[in-house]
Each structure stands twice: as structure tokens, then as C-alpha cells.
Amino acid sequence: METVEDKYANIDLNKIYEYKDLPDKIAGRCDYCGSVKFKSSVGGGKFLRECINCGMKKNI
């Protein structure tokens, strides 16, 4: 069974994560680099948040 820390340790920056599967470890911060700057877009009924610093993507 995968622990919470294992989830965040194996983040692939080429993948788009679902918020329900991988919620923010610290609210409003990137799970990979800890940045608070994101660029956002909406398409297909989904809100995509992308970290400006490392490029991690998450559907909110």
C-alpha cells in the first residue's frame, strides 16, 4: 500500500494530476517545488492549474 509521502515523492511533471487523487500537501502551494505562482486555464469543463516554476499540472 502506498503511503501519503510516497505519493508526493514520485511526482511526474509530464502528467496532469487530478486534485481529488492528489490534493495539495500545503494549501495553495505546488507539491513539487513549493511555489505559489500558477497559470490557469479552463477547457472542457476543467480548471487546469500549472506551476510557473516547475510546470506541475493539476486539474482542480
N, C-alpha and C. Protein backbone atom coordinates (compact mmCIF):
# COMPACT_ATOMS: atom_id res chain seq x y z
N MET A 1 0.84 -1.18 0.00
CA MET A 1 0.00 0.00 0.00
C MET A 1 0.88 1.24 0.00
N GLU A 2 0.50 2.23 -0.81
CA GLU A 2 1.28 3.46 -0.95
C GLU A 2 0.92 4.44 0.18
N THR A 3 1.94 4.99 0.82
CA THR A 3 1.70 5.96 1.88
C THR A 3 1.55 7.36 1.28
N VAL A 4 1.13 8.31 2.09
CA VAL A 4 0.95 9.68 1.63
C VAL A 4 2.27 10.26 1.14
N GLU A 5 3.35 10.03 1.85
CA GLU A 5 4.66 10.56 1.44
C GLU A 5 5.12 9.95 0.12
N ASP A 6 4.81 8.67 -0.14
CA ASP A 6 5.19 8.04 -1.40
C ASP A 6 4.50 8.71 -2.59
N LYS A 7 3.25 9.13 -2.40
CA LYS A 7 2.50 9.82 -3.45
C LYS A 7 3.23 11.07 -3.92
N TYR A 8 3.69 11.86 -2.98
CA TYR A 8 4.33 13.13 -3.29
C TYR A 8 5.79 12.96 -3.71
N ALA A 9 6.41 11.86 -3.37
CA ALA A 9 7.82 11.63 -3.72
C ALA A 9 7.99 11.24 -5.19
N ASN A 10 6.97 10.67 -5.80
CA ASN A 10 7.07 10.18 -7.17
C ASN A 10 6.27 11.02 -8.15
N ILE A 11 6.36 12.33 -8.07
CA ILE A 11 5.60 13.22 -8.94
C ILE A 11 6.27 13.29 -10.31
N ASP A 12 5.47 13.03 -11.36
CA ASP A 12 5.93 13.10 -12.75
C ASP A 12 5.43 14.42 -13.33
N LEU A 13 6.34 15.29 -13.73
CA LEU A 13 5.95 16.61 -14.23
C LEU A 13 5.30 16.57 -15.61
N ASN A 14 5.34 15.44 -16.29
CA ASN A 14 4.71 15.31 -17.60
C ASN A 14 3.26 14.86 -17.51
N LYS A 15 2.80 14.54 -16.32
CA LYS A 15 1.45 14.03 -16.10
C LYS A 15 0.56 15.14 -15.56
N ILE A 16 -0.73 15.08 -15.91
CA ILE A 16 -1.72 16.00 -15.34
C ILE A 16 -2.45 15.25 -14.24
N TYR A 17 -2.32 15.74 -13.02
CA TYR A 17 -2.92 15.09 -11.86
C TYR A 17 -4.32 15.62 -11.59
N GLU A 18 -5.16 14.81 -11.00
CA GLU A 18 -6.48 15.21 -10.55
C GLU A 18 -6.37 15.61 -9.09
N TYR A 19 -6.98 16.73 -8.73
CA TYR A 19 -6.91 17.24 -7.36
C TYR A 19 -7.48 16.24 -6.36
N LYS A 20 -8.55 15.53 -6.74
CA LYS A 20 -9.17 14.58 -5.82
C LYS A 20 -8.23 13.41 -5.51
N ASP A 21 -7.36 13.07 -6.45
CA ASP A 21 -6.40 11.97 -6.24
C ASP A 21 -5.13 12.44 -5.53
N LEU A 22 -4.75 13.69 -5.75
CA LEU A 22 -3.52 14.24 -5.17
C LEU A 22 -3.78 15.67 -4.70
N PRO A 23 -4.46 15.84 -3.55
CA PRO A 23 -4.73 17.19 -3.05
C PRO A 23 -3.42 17.88 -2.65
N ASP A 24 -3.47 19.21 -2.54
CA ASP A 24 -2.28 19.98 -2.17
C ASP A 24 -1.77 19.54 -0.80
N LYS A 25 -0.46 19.29 -0.73
CA LYS A 25 0.17 18.94 0.55
C LYS A 25 0.10 20.15 1.49
N ILE A 26 0.40 21.34 0.95
CA ILE A 26 0.24 22.61 1.66
C ILE A 26 -0.68 23.45 0.78
N ALA A 27 -1.81 23.86 1.31
CA ALA A 27 -2.84 24.55 0.53
C ALA A 27 -2.28 25.74 -0.24
N GLY A 28 -2.55 25.77 -1.56
CA GLY A 28 -2.14 26.89 -2.39
C GLY A 28 -0.69 26.87 -2.85
N ARG A 29 0.03 25.80 -2.55
CA ARG A 29 1.44 25.68 -2.96
C ARG A 29 1.63 24.46 -3.85
N CYS A 30 2.61 24.55 -4.73
CA CYS A 30 2.95 23.44 -5.61
C CYS A 30 3.52 22.29 -4.77
N ASP A 31 3.08 21.08 -5.05
CA ASP A 31 3.56 19.91 -4.30
C ASP A 31 5.01 19.58 -4.64
N TYR A 32 5.47 19.98 -5.81
CA TYR A 32 6.81 19.62 -6.25
C TYR A 32 7.87 20.62 -5.78
N CYS A 33 7.62 21.93 -5.99
CA CYS A 33 8.65 22.91 -5.68
C CYS A 33 8.26 23.91 -4.59
N GLY A 34 6.99 23.93 -4.18
CA GLY A 34 6.54 24.82 -3.12
C GLY A 34 6.19 26.22 -3.58
N SER A 35 6.22 26.47 -4.88
CA SER A 35 5.91 27.80 -5.41
C SER A 35 4.43 28.14 -5.22
N VAL A 36 4.12 29.43 -5.22
CA VAL A 36 2.73 29.88 -5.10
C VAL A 36 2.25 30.54 -6.39
N LYS A 37 3.06 30.55 -7.43
CA LYS A 37 2.68 31.18 -8.69
C LYS A 37 2.24 30.12 -9.69
N PHE A 38 1.01 30.31 -10.18
CA PHE A 38 0.42 29.38 -11.13
C PHE A 38 -0.17 30.14 -12.31
N LYS A 39 -0.23 29.47 -13.46
CA LYS A 39 -1.02 29.99 -14.56
C LYS A 39 -2.17 29.01 -14.73
N SER A 40 -3.33 29.55 -15.01
CA SER A 40 -4.55 28.75 -15.03
C SER A 40 -5.26 28.87 -16.37
N SER A 41 -5.97 27.79 -16.71
CA SER A 41 -6.79 27.81 -17.91
C SER A 41 -8.01 26.92 -17.68
N VAL A 42 -9.05 27.19 -18.46
CA VAL A 42 -10.28 26.42 -18.35
C VAL A 42 -10.57 25.84 -19.72
N GLY A 43 -10.89 24.56 -19.75
CA GLY A 43 -11.23 23.92 -21.02
C GLY A 43 -11.91 22.59 -20.77
N GLY A 44 -12.95 22.32 -21.50
CA GLY A 44 -13.65 21.05 -21.35
C GLY A 44 -14.26 20.87 -19.98
N GLY A 45 -14.64 21.97 -19.35
CA GLY A 45 -15.26 21.89 -18.03
C GLY A 45 -14.28 21.64 -16.90
N LYS A 46 -12.99 21.75 -17.18
CA LYS A 46 -11.97 21.53 -16.14
C LYS A 46 -11.10 22.77 -15.98
N PHE A 47 -10.68 23.02 -14.75
CA PHE A 47 -9.80 24.12 -14.41
C PHE A 47 -8.40 23.55 -14.23
N LEU A 48 -7.49 23.90 -15.14
CA LEU A 48 -6.12 23.38 -15.10
C LEU A 48 -5.21 24.42 -14.47
N ARG A 49 -4.48 24.00 -13.44
CA ARG A 49 -3.53 24.87 -12.75
C ARG A 49 -2.12 24.35 -13.04
N GLU A 50 -1.26 25.22 -13.56
CA GLU A 50 0.12 24.85 -13.88
C GLU A 50 1.09 25.74 -13.14
N CYS A 51 2.05 25.13 -12.45
CA CYS A 51 3.07 25.88 -11.71
C CYS A 51 3.99 26.57 -12.71
N ILE A 52 4.22 27.86 -12.50
CA ILE A 52 5.10 28.63 -13.39
C ILE A 52 6.55 28.21 -13.20
N ASN A 53 6.94 27.81 -12.01
CA ASN A 53 8.32 27.46 -11.70
C ASN A 53 8.74 26.10 -12.27
N CYS A 54 7.96 25.03 -11.98
CA CYS A 54 8.39 23.68 -12.38
C CYS A 54 7.51 23.04 -13.44
N GLY A 55 6.30 23.56 -13.65
CA GLY A 55 5.43 23.02 -14.69
C GLY A 55 4.48 21.92 -14.24
N MET A 56 4.39 21.65 -12.96
CA MET A 56 3.47 20.62 -12.48
C MET A 56 2.03 21.06 -12.77
N LYS A 57 1.22 20.12 -13.32
CA LYS A 57 -0.14 20.43 -13.71
C LYS A 57 -1.13 19.64 -12.87
N LYS A 58 -2.23 20.32 -12.52
CA LYS A 58 -3.25 19.66 -11.71
C LYS A 58 -4.62 20.18 -12.13
N ASN A 59 -5.57 19.26 -12.39
CA ASN A 59 -6.95 19.64 -12.63
C ASN A 59 -7.61 19.86 -11.29
N ILE A 60 -8.18 21.04 -11.11
CA ILE A 60 -8.82 21.39 -9.86
C ILE A 60 -10.31 21.13 -9.98
